[in-house]
Amino acid sequence: MDATNKAETVNTYKRNEKDTGSPEVQVALLTHRIKELTDHLSSFAKDHSARRGLIMMVNKRRKLLTYLQQQDDARYKELIAKLGLRR
């Protein structure tokens, strides 16, 4: 992920002007990186270190989504609808 894509993603999902670390932004960035790694692993099936990183990212995203759902269910539902996550 290059800097322009990251900035674009942060601008799309931020809650206010100075927001860079809210759960929404973190989940969106993780989702983008997960999609990239999934594409990589379809080409390089034996890259086990990338697979391990993918599993860790998926688990971190799941934890952030659980936290967001417990804090504010409306924000959670809006985020998964925007990202197209099935949960």
Protein backbone atom coordinates (compact mmCIF):
# COMPACT_ATOMS: atom_id res chain seq x y z
CA MET A 1 0.00 0.00 0.00
CA ASP A 2 1.52 3.29 -1.01
CA ALA A 3 1.11 6.60 0.77
CA THR A 4 -1.57 7.96 -1.56
CA ASN A 5 -3.81 4.91 -1.14
CA LYS A 6 -3.33 5.00 2.61
CA ALA A 7 -4.16 8.72 2.83
CA GLU A 8 -7.20 8.20 0.62
CA THR A 9 -8.44 5.36 2.84
CA VAL A 10 -7.88 7.40 6.01
CA ASN A 11 -9.76 10.36 4.50
CA THR A 12 -12.69 8.11 3.57
CA TYR A 13 -13.14 6.49 6.98
CA LYS A 14 -11.97 9.14 9.48
CA ARG A 15 -14.44 10.50 12.01
CA ASN A 16 -12.95 14.01 12.32
CA GLU A 17 -10.07 16.03 10.85
CA LYS A 18 -7.34 14.74 13.18
CA ASP A 19 -8.50 11.12 13.22
CA THR A 20 -5.97 8.53 12.10
CA GLY A 21 -6.37 5.76 14.66
CA SER A 22 -10.06 5.14 15.18
CA PRO A 23 -11.25 1.54 14.82
CA GLU A 24 -12.95 2.42 11.53
CA VAL A 25 -9.69 3.64 9.98
CA GLN A 26 -7.71 0.70 11.35
CA VAL A 27 -10.22 -1.84 10.03
CA ALA A 28 -10.31 -0.18 6.61
CA LEU A 29 -6.50 -0.21 6.34
CA LEU A 30 -6.33 -3.82 7.49
CA THR A 31 -9.02 -4.81 4.98
CA HIS A 32 -7.04 -3.23 2.15
CA ARG A 33 -3.83 -5.03 3.22
CA ILE A 34 -5.73 -8.33 3.62
CA LYS A 35 -7.04 -8.07 0.06
CA GLU A 36 -3.52 -7.41 -1.24
CA LEU A 37 -2.08 -10.37 0.65
CA THR A 38 -4.88 -12.65 -0.51
CA ASP A 39 -4.02 -11.80 -4.11
CA HIS A 40 -0.34 -12.42 -3.39
CA LEU A 41 -1.05 -15.81 -1.83
CA SER A 42 -3.11 -16.90 -4.82
CA SER A 43 0.06 -16.58 -6.89
CA PHE A 44 2.55 -17.78 -4.27
CA ALA A 45 0.81 -20.56 -2.36
CA LYS A 46 3.93 -21.69 -0.50
CA ASP A 47 4.73 -18.31 1.05
CA HIS A 48 4.08 -19.38 4.62
CA SER A 49 5.40 -16.22 6.27
CA ALA A 50 2.91 -14.13 4.27
CA ARG A 51 0.15 -16.57 5.22
CA ARG A 52 1.05 -16.16 8.89
CA GLY A 53 0.94 -12.38 8.51
CA LEU A 54 -2.44 -12.65 6.80
CA ILE A 55 -3.85 -14.73 9.64
CA MET A 56 -2.56 -12.22 12.21
CA MET A 57 -4.14 -9.33 10.29
CA VAL A 58 -7.49 -11.11 10.01
CA ASN A 59 -7.46 -11.80 13.76
CA LYS A 60 -6.60 -8.18 14.56
CA ARG A 61 -9.41 -6.96 12.29
CA ARG A 62 -11.83 -9.36 13.97
CA LYS A 63 -10.85 -8.05 17.42
CA LEU A 64 -11.27 -4.43 16.30
CA LEU A 65 -14.69 -5.20 14.81
CA THR A 66 -15.77 -6.93 18.03
CA TYR A 67 -14.62 -3.90 20.04
CA LEU A 68 -16.47 -1.52 17.73
CA GLN A 69 -19.64 -3.60 17.91
CA GLN A 70 -19.55 -3.53 21.71
CA GLN A 71 -18.95 0.24 21.80
CA ASP A 72 -21.33 1.45 19.10
CA ASP A 73 -23.37 -1.03 17.09
CA ALA A 74 -24.56 1.58 14.59
CA ARG A 75 -20.99 2.54 13.63
CA TYR A 76 -20.13 -1.16 13.35
CA LYS A 77 -23.01 -1.88 10.98
CA GLU A 78 -22.21 1.18 8.87
CA LEU A 79 -18.56 0.16 8.59
CA ILE A 80 -19.18 -3.43 7.54
CA ALA A 81 -21.70 -2.21 4.98
CA LYS A 82 -19.15 0.25 3.54
CA LEU A 83 -16.37 -2.33 3.41
CA GLY A 84 -18.57 -5.13 2.17
CA LEU A 85 -17.61 -7.47 5.00
CA ARG A 86 -19.94 -10.34 5.69
CA ARG A 87 -20.47 -10.59 9.38
